[in-house]
Amino acid sequence: MSQARHWQKSTFSDGGDGNTCVELAATPTTLHLRESDTPDTELTTTAGPLTQLISSVKSGLFLSEG
């Protein structure tokens, strides 16, 4: 039996109880991400790849020109 996850909302998400929030839950080996408006759909990863993604986003790697 799996334990219930403790989901935390991003502090940058809509500032309220709306359904435009990114949520994160951590287990001992995995990080789980979801959008609050589609809670049954989760992305799972580990800390290393998520850290690389966040660093790339912050550096502007994914900004499009034009």
N, C-alpha and C. Protein backbone atom coordinates (compact mmCIF):
# COMPACT_ATOMS: atom_id res chain seq x y z
N MET A 1 0.84 -1.19 0.00
CA MET A 1 0.00 0.00 0.00
C MET A 1 0.88 1.25 0.00
N SER A 2 0.62 2.19 -0.88
CA SER A 2 1.42 3.40 -0.95
C SER A 2 0.84 4.47 -0.02
N GLN A 3 1.74 5.31 0.49
CA GLN A 3 1.32 6.38 1.37
C GLN A 3 0.80 7.56 0.54
N ALA A 4 -0.10 8.33 1.13
CA ALA A 4 -0.59 9.53 0.47
C ALA A 4 0.55 10.54 0.38
N ARG A 5 0.63 11.22 -0.73
CA ARG A 5 1.68 12.21 -0.93
C ARG A 5 1.25 13.56 -0.36
N HIS A 6 2.23 14.30 0.15
CA HIS A 6 1.98 15.66 0.64
C HIS A 6 2.32 16.62 -0.49
N TRP A 7 1.31 17.13 -1.16
CA TRP A 7 1.51 18.03 -2.30
C TRP A 7 1.68 19.45 -1.82
N GLN A 8 2.67 20.14 -2.39
CA GLN A 8 2.92 21.54 -2.06
C GLN A 8 2.78 22.37 -3.33
N LYS A 9 2.11 23.51 -3.21
CA LYS A 9 1.93 24.40 -4.36
C LYS A 9 3.09 25.36 -4.47
N SER A 10 3.43 25.70 -5.70
CA SER A 10 4.46 26.70 -5.95
C SER A 10 4.00 28.05 -5.41
N THR A 11 4.93 28.80 -4.85
CA THR A 11 4.59 30.14 -4.35
C THR A 11 4.31 31.10 -5.50
N PHE A 12 4.67 30.73 -6.73
CA PHE A 12 4.43 31.58 -7.89
C PHE A 12 3.11 31.24 -8.59
N SER A 13 2.35 30.33 -8.05
CA SER A 13 1.12 29.87 -8.71
C SER A 13 -0.09 30.65 -8.26
N ASP A 14 -0.54 31.56 -9.06
CA ASP A 14 -1.82 32.24 -8.94
C ASP A 14 -2.15 32.80 -7.56
N GLY A 15 -1.37 32.55 -6.55
CA GLY A 15 -1.56 33.14 -5.24
C GLY A 15 -2.82 32.77 -4.49
N GLY A 16 -3.57 31.79 -4.94
CA GLY A 16 -4.81 31.45 -4.25
C GLY A 16 -5.13 29.98 -4.35
N ASP A 17 -6.39 29.69 -4.20
CA ASP A 17 -6.83 28.30 -4.23
C ASP A 17 -7.30 27.89 -5.61
N GLY A 18 -6.96 28.64 -6.62
CA GLY A 18 -7.40 28.34 -7.98
C GLY A 18 -6.73 27.09 -8.53
N ASN A 19 -7.12 26.72 -9.73
CA ASN A 19 -6.59 25.52 -10.37
C ASN A 19 -5.50 25.84 -11.38
N THR A 20 -4.67 26.83 -11.10
CA THR A 20 -3.56 27.16 -11.99
C THR A 20 -2.25 27.03 -11.24
N CYS A 21 -2.12 25.97 -10.50
CA CYS A 21 -0.96 25.80 -9.62
C CYS A 21 -0.11 24.60 -10.03
N VAL A 22 1.18 24.78 -9.92
CA VAL A 22 2.11 23.66 -10.05
C VAL A 22 2.31 23.11 -8.65
N GLU A 23 2.23 21.78 -8.51
CA GLU A 23 2.38 21.15 -7.20
C GLU A 23 3.51 20.13 -7.26
N LEU A 24 4.17 19.96 -6.13
CA LEU A 24 5.30 19.04 -6.02
C LEU A 24 5.12 18.19 -4.76
N ALA A 25 5.41 16.89 -4.89
CA ALA A 25 5.42 15.98 -3.74
C ALA A 25 6.71 15.16 -3.83
N ALA A 26 7.34 14.94 -2.70
CA ALA A 26 8.59 14.18 -2.68
C ALA A 26 8.40 12.88 -1.92
N THR A 27 8.98 11.82 -2.47
CA THR A 27 9.08 10.55 -1.78
C THR A 27 10.58 10.28 -1.61
N PRO A 28 11.00 9.25 -0.90
CA PRO A 28 12.42 9.06 -0.66
C PRO A 28 13.29 9.02 -1.93
N THR A 29 12.78 8.53 -3.04
CA THR A 29 13.61 8.40 -4.24
C THR A 29 13.10 9.17 -5.44
N THR A 30 11.92 9.77 -5.37
CA THR A 30 11.28 10.36 -6.54
C THR A 30 10.61 11.68 -6.20
N LEU A 31 10.61 12.58 -7.19
CA LEU A 31 9.84 13.81 -7.10
C LEU A 31 8.66 13.69 -8.05
N HIS A 32 7.51 14.14 -7.60
CA HIS A 32 6.27 14.05 -8.38
C HIS A 32 5.78 15.47 -8.63
N LEU A 33 5.47 15.78 -9.87
CA LEU A 33 4.95 17.10 -10.23
C LEU A 33 3.61 16.94 -10.92
N ARG A 34 2.72 17.90 -10.71
CA ARG A 34 1.42 17.89 -11.38
C ARG A 34 0.88 19.31 -11.43
N GLU A 35 -0.12 19.51 -12.26
CA GLU A 35 -0.88 20.75 -12.28
C GLU A 35 -2.16 20.50 -11.50
N SER A 36 -2.57 21.46 -10.71
CA SER A 36 -3.74 21.23 -9.86
C SER A 36 -5.02 21.04 -10.64
N ASP A 37 -5.08 21.52 -11.88
CA ASP A 37 -6.30 21.32 -12.66
C ASP A 37 -6.35 19.94 -13.31
N THR A 38 -5.25 19.19 -13.29
CA THR A 38 -5.22 17.80 -13.79
C THR A 38 -4.44 16.94 -12.80
N PRO A 39 -4.97 16.76 -11.60
CA PRO A 39 -4.23 16.06 -10.55
C PRO A 39 -3.97 14.58 -10.80
N ASP A 40 -4.68 13.98 -11.73
CA ASP A 40 -4.45 12.56 -12.01
C ASP A 40 -3.27 12.34 -12.95
N THR A 41 -2.73 13.42 -13.52
CA THR A 41 -1.59 13.32 -14.43
C THR A 41 -0.35 13.82 -13.70
N GLU A 42 0.64 12.94 -13.53
CA GLU A 42 1.86 13.30 -12.80
C GLU A 42 3.09 13.08 -13.67
N LEU A 43 4.07 13.91 -13.44
CA LEU A 43 5.40 13.74 -14.01
C LEU A 43 6.29 13.31 -12.87
N THR A 44 7.06 12.25 -13.04
CA THR A 44 7.97 11.80 -11.99
C THR A 44 9.40 11.93 -12.46
N THR A 45 10.27 12.30 -11.55
CA THR A 45 11.68 12.48 -11.86
C THR A 45 12.47 12.35 -10.56
N THR A 46 13.78 12.57 -10.67
CA THR A 46 14.64 12.62 -9.49
C THR A 46 15.20 14.04 -9.38
N ALA A 47 15.90 14.32 -8.31
CA ALA A 47 16.38 15.68 -8.06
C ALA A 47 17.35 16.17 -9.14
N GLY A 48 18.24 15.34 -9.63
CA GLY A 48 19.25 15.78 -10.60
C GLY A 48 18.65 16.34 -11.88
N PRO A 49 17.83 15.58 -12.60
CA PRO A 49 17.23 16.11 -13.82
C PRO A 49 16.34 17.33 -13.59
N LEU A 50 15.61 17.36 -12.48
CA LEU A 50 14.76 18.51 -12.20
C LEU A 50 15.61 19.75 -11.95
N THR A 51 16.72 19.59 -11.24
CA THR A 51 17.63 20.71 -11.00
C THR A 51 18.19 21.24 -12.31
N GLN A 52 18.56 20.34 -13.23
CA GLN A 52 19.07 20.77 -14.53
C GLN A 52 18.01 21.51 -15.33
N LEU A 53 16.76 21.02 -15.30
CA LEU A 53 15.68 21.68 -16.02
C LEU A 53 15.45 23.09 -15.47
N ILE A 54 15.37 23.22 -14.17
CA ILE A 54 15.13 24.53 -13.55
C ILE A 54 16.27 25.49 -13.88
N SER A 55 17.50 25.02 -13.81
CA SER A 55 18.65 25.87 -14.14
C SER A 55 18.60 26.32 -15.59
N SER A 56 18.21 25.43 -16.49
CA SER A 56 18.11 25.78 -17.91
C SER A 56 17.01 26.80 -18.15
N VAL A 57 15.88 26.65 -17.49
CA VAL A 57 14.78 27.60 -17.63
C VAL A 57 15.21 28.97 -17.12
N LYS A 58 15.85 28.99 -15.95
CA LYS A 58 16.30 30.26 -15.36
C LYS A 58 17.34 30.95 -16.23
N SER A 59 18.16 30.19 -16.92
CA SER A 59 19.20 30.79 -17.77
C SER A 59 18.65 31.31 -19.09
N GLY A 60 17.39 31.01 -19.40
CA GLY A 60 16.79 31.47 -20.64
C GLY A 60 16.99 30.53 -21.82
N LEU A 61 17.45 29.33 -21.57
CA LEU A 61 17.74 28.38 -22.63
C LEU A 61 16.52 28.12 -23.52
N PHE A 62 15.33 28.16 -22.96
CA PHE A 62 14.14 27.80 -23.71
C PHE A 62 13.38 29.00 -24.29
N LEU A 63 13.96 30.18 -24.19
CA LEU A 63 13.31 31.36 -24.76
C LEU A 63 13.43 31.31 -26.27
N SER A 64 12.34 31.60 -26.93
CA SER A 64 12.37 31.59 -28.40
C SER A 64 12.64 33.01 -28.90
N GLU A 65 13.29 33.09 -30.02
CA GLU A 65 13.53 34.39 -30.62
C GLU A 65 12.41 34.71 -31.59
N GLY A 66 12.02 35.95 -31.60
CA GLY A 66 11.08 36.37 -32.61
C GLY A 66 9.75 36.67 -32.12
